[in-house]
Structures are given as C-alpha cells and as structure tokens.
Amino acid sequence: AGGTATGDKAEAPGPGAIDLGAQSGRWAAFQERHRLSCEEAARLLLDAYEYRGLVKHTGGCHCGAVRFEVWASADLHVFNCNCSICTKKQNRHFIVPASRFKLLKGADNLTTYTFNTHRAQHTFCKTCGVQSFYTPRSNPDGYGIAPHCLDDGTVQTIITEDINGKEWEKAVREHKTIRDMSKP
C-alpha cells in the first residue's frame, strides 16, 4: 500500500510543475474554495509573501476606463505639494516603487502632460480627465498615487505632509526620505 506496482513508473512533474508533496491536497482545496486557477493562487501567495505588511489597494479614474492596483501601507504618507501644477489640480499623492503598481486596464485611455523639465509624467484619463496616478519628478522610478482615487475599505489613516514645490530642488534636496519612497 502506498507504493507502486512492479513495472509502474511514477511520472516526473512536467516542465514548470512543482511537486507539492503532502501539501498538494491543501493546495487543491484552497484553489477550489476560493475558485482560483493555479496561477491566481500562486500570485496570491507570492503577493502575500513579497508584500508583507502592505495592503492591496485598487482604484481608478472617475469613469472607470482606467483601473489599477497598488501595494502600500494601510496608513498612507501623502504629500501636499504647492508647485504650479499640483496647486491647480489639488494633486495630493503618496509614492510607491514601480514594482508595487500594476495598471489593470486603460493604458490606451491614458494621455500624458509634461512641462518644464518634462521629467514628471502627468498621466490622466482621456475620457474623464482624472489623474489617479502619475510619475513624479522626484521619483521617476515610481508612481505618485492619488489617495482620493482609491476604492473604499483599505486605507486606515492618512498623514499629510506639505512640501514646498515652488522651491522644488531645495525641497527635494532637504527632504530626508522622499527619494527612497520609490525604492523596493
């Protein structure tokens, strides 16, 4: 019992297959209970491991053409910048590494505005005009996410920090942590 009959050969897992041993039953039950494909279950497990202590926020523009997910703390550190464009748009944002941001839909519905140094990429929905995220000049390797464009239920607190974007170079040079916020 438990062995193979003489002459029977156990098949080796195919390319990319993983032998889960005693956990295979648990894995199958988990997939079935949550109605997940193997890839979806693996992504959930990897996300939970890689982004420990973070929450998956989802959000998008007003009309719903642009949707995204972002892994960040439930307690957000939001910048309130007084530079010319942030003042006009009332752009408040928190910064995340690019690896923690995923555009779910709407890439073809985004357009970009740049000015001055053209380093900041102000992306917004072509249909409703809402900028739910953008690439900040201070952190071109990350994203600035508008907390007011997140879906309800995942944000616990918001701490807002004023930043003097009118004197951008000085403000960024003197800020102790802003450049590190887009590092994984």
C-alpha atoms as a PDB file:
ATOM      1  CA  ALA A   1       0.000   0.000   0.000  1.00  0.00           C
ATOM      2  CA  GLY A   2       1.234   3.436  -0.812  1.00  0.00           C
ATOM      3  CA  GLY A   3       3.876   2.125  -3.237  1.00  0.00           C
ATOM      4  CA  THR A   4       3.772   1.471  -6.947  1.00  0.00           C
ATOM      5  CA  ALA A   5       3.248  -1.907  -8.510  1.00  0.00           C
ATOM      6  CA  THR A   6       6.224  -3.587 -10.102  1.00  0.00           C
ATOM      7  CA  GLY A   7       6.727  -2.188 -13.564  1.00  0.00           C
ATOM      8  CA  ASP A   8       4.718   1.007 -12.891  1.00  0.00           C
ATOM      9  CA  LYS A   9       6.720   4.173 -13.098  1.00  0.00           C
ATOM     10  CA  ALA A  10       5.789   7.384 -11.312  1.00  0.00           C
ATOM     11  CA  GLU A  11       5.698  10.239 -13.770  1.00  0.00           C
ATOM     12  CA  ALA A  12       8.083  13.083 -13.104  1.00  0.00           C
ATOM     13  CA  PRO A  13       6.444  16.503 -12.952  1.00  0.00           C
ATOM     14  CA  GLY A  14       6.452  18.283 -16.329  1.00  0.00           C
ATOM     15  CA  PRO A  15       8.419  21.471 -17.053  1.00  0.00           C
ATOM     16  CA  GLY A  16       7.454  24.203 -14.600  1.00  0.00           C
ATOM     17  CA  ALA A  17       5.458  21.773 -12.439  1.00  0.00           C
ATOM     18  CA  ILE A  18       6.207  21.700  -8.743  1.00  0.00           C
ATOM     19  CA  ASP A  19       5.818  18.643  -6.545  1.00  0.00           C
ATOM     20  CA  LEU A  20       3.907  19.932  -3.513  1.00  0.00           C
ATOM     21  CA  GLY A  21       4.220  16.630  -1.651  1.00  0.00           C
ATOM     22  CA  ALA A  22       1.929  16.448   1.389  1.00  0.00           C
ATOM     23  CA  GLN A  23       0.667  19.988   0.648  1.00  0.00           C
ATOM     24  CA  SER A  24      -0.909  19.093  -2.714  1.00  0.00           C
ATOM     25  CA  GLY A  25      -4.317  18.300  -1.170  1.00  0.00           C
ATOM     26  CA  ARG A  26      -4.297  21.530   0.801  1.00  0.00           C
ATOM     27  CA  TRP A  27      -3.325  23.466  -2.336  1.00  0.00           C
ATOM     28  CA  ALA A  28      -6.151  21.920  -4.384  1.00  0.00           C
ATOM     29  CA  ALA A  29      -8.701  22.580  -1.613  1.00  0.00           C
ATOM     30  CA  PHE A  30      -7.524  26.209  -1.319  1.00  0.00           C
ATOM     31  CA  GLN A  31      -7.881  26.728  -5.070  1.00  0.00           C
ATOM     32  CA  GLU A  32     -11.340  25.157  -5.123  1.00  0.00           C
ATOM     33  CA  ARG A  33     -12.596  27.009  -2.036  1.00  0.00           C
ATOM     34  CA  HIS A  34     -11.541  30.381  -3.450  1.00  0.00           C
ATOM     35  CA  ARG A  35     -12.273  29.457  -7.083  1.00  0.00           C
ATOM     36  CA  LEU A  36      -8.737  30.293  -8.193  1.00  0.00           C
ATOM     37  CA  SER A  37      -6.688  28.953 -11.063  1.00  0.00           C
ATOM     38  CA  CYS A  38      -3.262  27.623 -10.173  1.00  0.00           C
ATOM     39  CA  GLU A  39      -1.689  30.861 -11.477  1.00  0.00           C
ATOM     40  CA  GLU A  40      -4.096  33.049  -9.461  1.00  0.00           C
ATOM     41  CA  ALA A  41      -3.425  31.072  -6.270  1.00  0.00           C
ATOM     42  CA  ALA A  42       0.340  31.303  -6.836  1.00  0.00           C
ATOM     43  CA  ARG A  43       0.094  35.070  -7.439  1.00  0.00           C
ATOM     44  CA  LEU A  44      -1.899  35.475  -4.216  1.00  0.00           C
ATOM     45  CA  LEU A  45       0.704  33.505  -2.262  1.00  0.00           C
ATOM     46  CA  LEU A  46       3.631  35.391  -3.811  1.00  0.00           C
ATOM     47  CA  ASP A  47       1.966  38.772  -3.257  1.00  0.00           C
ATOM     48  CA  ALA A  48       1.292  37.924   0.381  1.00  0.00           C
ATOM     49  CA  TYR A  49       4.902  36.884   0.868  1.00  0.00           C
ATOM     50  CA  GLU A  50       6.599  39.651  -1.111  1.00  0.00           C
ATOM     51  CA  TYR A  51       4.409  42.476   0.179  1.00  0.00           C
ATOM     52  CA  ARG A  52       4.213  41.521   3.861  1.00  0.00           C
ATOM     53  CA  GLY A  53       2.737  44.325   5.938  1.00  0.00           C
ATOM     54  CA  LEU A  54       1.263  46.022   2.873  1.00  0.00           C
ATOM     55  CA  VAL A  55      -2.302  46.182   1.621  1.00  0.00           C
ATOM     56  CA  LYS A  56      -3.507  45.778  -1.950  1.00  0.00           C
ATOM     57  CA  HIS A  57      -5.390  48.971  -2.792  1.00  0.00           C
ATOM     58  CA  THR A  58      -7.382  49.241  -6.002  1.00  0.00           C
ATOM     59  CA  GLY A  59      -8.541  52.396  -7.685  1.00  0.00           C
ATOM     60  CA  GLY A  60      -9.018  54.310 -10.863  1.00  0.00           C
ATOM     61  CA  CYS A  61     -10.390  57.325 -12.630  1.00  0.00           C
ATOM     62  CA  HIS A  62     -13.955  58.670 -12.376  1.00  0.00           C
ATOM     63  CA  CYS A  63     -15.424  56.981 -15.474  1.00  0.00           C
ATOM     64  CA  GLY A  64     -13.765  53.611 -14.748  1.00  0.00           C
ATOM     65  CA  ALA A  65     -11.813  53.414 -18.006  1.00  0.00           C
ATOM     66  CA  VAL A  66      -8.524  53.391 -16.020  1.00  0.00           C
ATOM     67  CA  ARG A  67      -8.090  50.883 -13.185  1.00  0.00           C
ATOM     68  CA  PHE A  68      -5.001  49.960 -11.160  1.00  0.00           C
ATOM     69  CA  GLU A  69      -3.811  48.118  -8.084  1.00  0.00           C
ATOM     70  CA  VAL A  70      -1.053  49.227  -5.766  1.00  0.00           C
ATOM     71  CA  TRP A  71       0.593  47.609  -2.754  1.00  0.00           C
ATOM     72  CA  ALA A  72       1.148  50.149   0.024  1.00  0.00           C
ATOM     73  CA  SER A  73       0.640  50.597   3.730  1.00  0.00           C
ATOM     74  CA  ALA A  74      -2.902  50.970   5.041  1.00  0.00           C
ATOM     75  CA  ASP A  75      -1.510  54.117   6.707  1.00  0.00           C
ATOM     76  CA  LEU A  76      -0.636  56.499   3.890  1.00  0.00           C
ATOM     77  CA  HIS A  77       2.006  59.247   3.903  1.00  0.00           C
ATOM     78  CA  VAL A  78       0.565  61.777   1.455  1.00  0.00           C
ATOM     79  CA  PHE A  79       2.363  64.788   0.006  1.00  0.00           C
ATOM     80  CA  ASN A  80       0.556  68.084  -0.447  1.00  0.00           C
ATOM     81  CA  CYS A  81       2.695  69.967  -2.949  1.00  0.00           C
ATOM     82  CA  ASN A  82       2.345  73.678  -3.730  1.00  0.00           C
ATOM     83  CA  CYS A  83       4.078  73.666  -7.143  1.00  0.00           C
ATOM     84  CA  SER A  84       2.178  75.223 -10.033  1.00  0.00           C
ATOM     85  CA  ILE A  85       0.535  72.055 -11.372  1.00  0.00           C
ATOM     86  CA  CYS A  86      -0.178  70.396  -8.022  1.00  0.00           C
ATOM     87  CA  THR A  87      -1.842  73.600  -6.817  1.00  0.00           C
ATOM     88  CA  LYS A  88      -4.042  73.857  -9.919  1.00  0.00           C
ATOM     89  CA  LYS A  89      -5.027  70.172  -9.791  1.00  0.00           C
ATOM     90  CA  GLN A  90      -5.086  69.857  -5.983  1.00  0.00           C
ATOM     91  CA  ASN A  91      -2.718  66.927  -6.518  1.00  0.00           C
ATOM     92  CA  ARG A  92      -2.076  65.101  -3.270  1.00  0.00           C
ATOM     93  CA  HIS A  93      -0.236  61.802  -3.624  1.00  0.00           C
ATOM     94  CA  PHE A  94       1.737  59.046  -1.945  1.00  0.00           C
ATOM     95  CA  ILE A  95       4.756  57.455  -3.608  1.00  0.00           C
ATOM     96  CA  VAL A  96       5.358  53.767  -4.300  1.00  0.00           C
ATOM     97  CA  PRO A  97       8.007  51.791  -6.214  1.00  0.00           C
ATOM     98  CA  ALA A  98       7.027  50.886  -9.785  1.00  0.00           C
ATOM     99  CA  SER A  99       7.188  47.186  -8.803  1.00  0.00           C
ATOM    100  CA  ARG A 100       4.228  47.690  -6.449  1.00  0.00           C
ATOM    101  CA  PHE A 101       1.976  49.275  -9.076  1.00  0.00           C
ATOM    102  CA  LYS A 102       0.012  47.468 -11.767  1.00  0.00           C
ATOM    103  CA  LEU A 103      -2.216  49.063 -14.389  1.00  0.00           C
ATOM    104  CA  LEU A 104      -5.179  46.710 -14.717  1.00  0.00           C
ATOM    105  CA  LYS A 105      -6.892  48.423 -17.641  1.00  0.00           C
ATOM    106  CA  GLY A 106      -6.982  51.639 -19.594  1.00  0.00           C
ATOM    107  CA  ALA A 107      -3.450  52.044 -20.967  1.00  0.00           C
ATOM    108  CA  ASP A 108      -4.973  53.077 -24.281  1.00  0.00           C
ATOM    109  CA  ASN A 109      -7.175  55.619 -22.488  1.00  0.00           C
ATOM    110  CA  LEU A 110      -4.285  57.465 -20.817  1.00  0.00           C
ATOM    111  CA  THR A 111      -2.650  60.593 -22.117  1.00  0.00           C
ATOM    112  CA  THR A 112       0.331  62.449 -20.683  1.00  0.00           C
ATOM    113  CA  TYR A 113       1.091  66.081 -19.960  1.00  0.00           C
ATOM    114  CA  THR A 114       4.629  67.318 -19.269  1.00  0.00           C
ATOM    115  CA  PHE A 115       6.154  70.751 -18.808  1.00  0.00           C
ATOM    116  CA  ASN A 116       9.354  72.480 -17.661  1.00  0.00           C
ATOM    117  CA  THR A 117      11.934  69.646 -17.268  1.00  0.00           C
ATOM    118  CA  HIS A 118       9.487  67.075 -18.767  1.00  0.00           C
ATOM    119  CA  ARG A 119      10.577  64.529 -16.142  1.00  0.00           C
ATOM    120  CA  ALA A 120       7.220  64.320 -14.369  1.00  0.00           C
ATOM    121  CA  GLN A 121       4.731  62.365 -16.461  1.00  0.00           C
ATOM    122  CA  HIS A 122       1.248  63.618 -15.574  1.00  0.00           C
ATOM    123  CA  THR A 123      -0.951  60.822 -16.916  1.00  0.00           C
ATOM    124  CA  PHE A 124      -4.702  61.201 -16.944  1.00  0.00           C
ATOM    125  CA  CYS A 125      -7.814  59.592 -18.409  1.00  0.00           C
ATOM    126  CA  LYS A 126      -8.748  60.889 -21.878  1.00  0.00           C
ATOM    127  CA  THR A 127     -12.442  60.437 -21.097  1.00  0.00           C
ATOM    128  CA  CYS A 128     -12.993  61.970 -17.647  1.00  0.00           C
ATOM    129  CA  GLY A 129      -9.713  63.868 -17.176  1.00  0.00           C
ATOM    130  CA  VAL A 130      -8.899  62.385 -13.763  1.00  0.00           C
ATOM    131  CA  GLN A 131      -5.258  61.828 -12.825  1.00  0.00           C
ATOM    132  CA  SER A 132      -5.353  58.843 -10.488  1.00  0.00           C
ATOM    133  CA  PHE A 133      -1.585  58.276 -10.660  1.00  0.00           C
ATOM    134  CA  TYR A 134       1.480  59.782 -12.317  1.00  0.00           C
ATOM    135  CA  THR A 135       5.264  59.529 -12.473  1.00  0.00           C
ATOM    136  CA  PRO A 136       6.674  62.234 -10.176  1.00  0.00           C
ATOM    137  CA  ARG A 137       9.790  64.203 -10.996  1.00  0.00           C
ATOM    138  CA  SER A 138      11.174  63.389  -7.547  1.00  0.00           C
ATOM    139  CA  ASN A 139      10.743  59.645  -8.092  1.00  0.00           C
ATOM    140  CA  PRO A 140      10.870  58.741 -11.804  1.00  0.00           C
ATOM    141  CA  ASP A 141      11.338  55.091 -10.786  1.00  0.00           C
ATOM    142  CA  GLY A 142       7.968  55.027  -9.009  1.00  0.00           C
ATOM    143  CA  TYR A 143       4.435  56.330  -9.042  1.00  0.00           C
ATOM    144  CA  GLY A 144       2.572  59.059  -7.220  1.00  0.00           C
ATOM    145  CA  ILE A 145      -0.874  57.709  -6.359  1.00  0.00           C
ATOM    146  CA  ALA A 146      -3.866  59.950  -5.623  1.00  0.00           C
ATOM    147  CA  PRO A 147      -5.393  58.565  -2.414  1.00  0.00           C
ATOM    148  CA  HIS A 148      -8.796  60.026  -3.317  1.00  0.00           C
ATOM    149  CA  CYS A 149      -8.836  57.710  -6.360  1.00  0.00           C
ATOM    150  CA  LEU A 150      -8.566  54.537  -4.246  1.00  0.00           C
ATOM    151  CA  ASP A 151     -11.604  52.345  -3.702  1.00  0.00           C
ATOM    152  CA  ASP A 152     -13.089  52.423  -0.203  1.00  0.00           C
ATOM    153  CA  GLY A 153     -12.093  49.976   2.503  1.00  0.00           C
ATOM    154  CA  THR A 154      -8.301  49.613   2.538  1.00  0.00           C
ATOM    155  CA  VAL A 155      -6.993  52.935   3.896  1.00  0.00           C
ATOM    156  CA  GLN A 156      -6.790  53.247   7.682  1.00  0.00           C
ATOM    157  CA  THR A 157      -5.180  56.666   8.117  1.00  0.00           C
ATOM    158  CA  ILE A 158      -3.718  59.450   6.024  1.00  0.00           C
ATOM    159  CA  ILE A 159      -0.918  61.660   7.263  1.00  0.00           C
ATOM    160  CA  THR A 160      -0.390  64.684   5.040  1.00  0.00           C
ATOM    161  CA  GLU A 161       2.959  66.422   4.684  1.00  0.00           C
ATOM    162  CA  ASP A 162       3.266  69.785   2.968  1.00  0.00           C
ATOM    163  CA  ILE A 163       6.137  70.013   0.515  1.00  0.00           C
ATOM    164  CA  ASN A 164       7.359  73.282  -0.972  1.00  0.00           C
ATOM    165  CA  GLY A 165       7.195  72.505  -4.685  1.00  0.00           C
ATOM    166  CA  LYS A 166       7.587  76.199  -5.505  1.00  0.00           C
ATOM    167  CA  GLU A 167      11.228  75.642  -4.490  1.00  0.00           C
ATOM    168  CA  TRP A 168      11.314  72.075  -5.787  1.00  0.00           C
ATOM    169  CA  GLU A 169      15.072  71.497  -5.988  1.00  0.00           C
ATOM    170  CA  LYS A 170      15.643  72.783  -2.459  1.00  0.00           C
ATOM    171  CA  ALA A 171      12.664  70.884  -1.019  1.00  0.00           C
ATOM    172  CA  VAL A 172      13.696  67.558  -2.539  1.00  0.00           C
ATOM    173  CA  ARG A 173      17.356  68.064  -1.613  1.00  0.00           C
ATOM    174  CA  GLU A 174      16.436  68.771   2.031  1.00  0.00           C
ATOM    175  CA  HIS A 175      13.787  66.064   2.384  1.00  0.00           C
ATOM    176  CA  LYS A 176      15.243  63.067   4.226  1.00  0.00           C
ATOM    177  CA  THR A 177      13.170  60.252   2.697  1.00  0.00           C
ATOM    178  CA  ILE A 178      11.287  61.269  -0.467  1.00  0.00           C
ATOM    179  CA  ARG A 179      13.805  59.816  -2.941  1.00  0.00           C
ATOM    180  CA  ASP A 180      13.789  56.467  -1.106  1.00  0.00           C
ATOM    181  CA  MET A 181       9.997  56.081  -1.267  1.00  0.00           C
ATOM    182  CA  SER A 182      10.166  54.581  -4.763  1.00  0.00           C
ATOM    183  CA  LYS A 183      12.810  52.010  -3.806  1.00  0.00           C
ATOM    184  CA  PRO A 184      11.525  48.421  -3.336  1.00  0.00           C
END
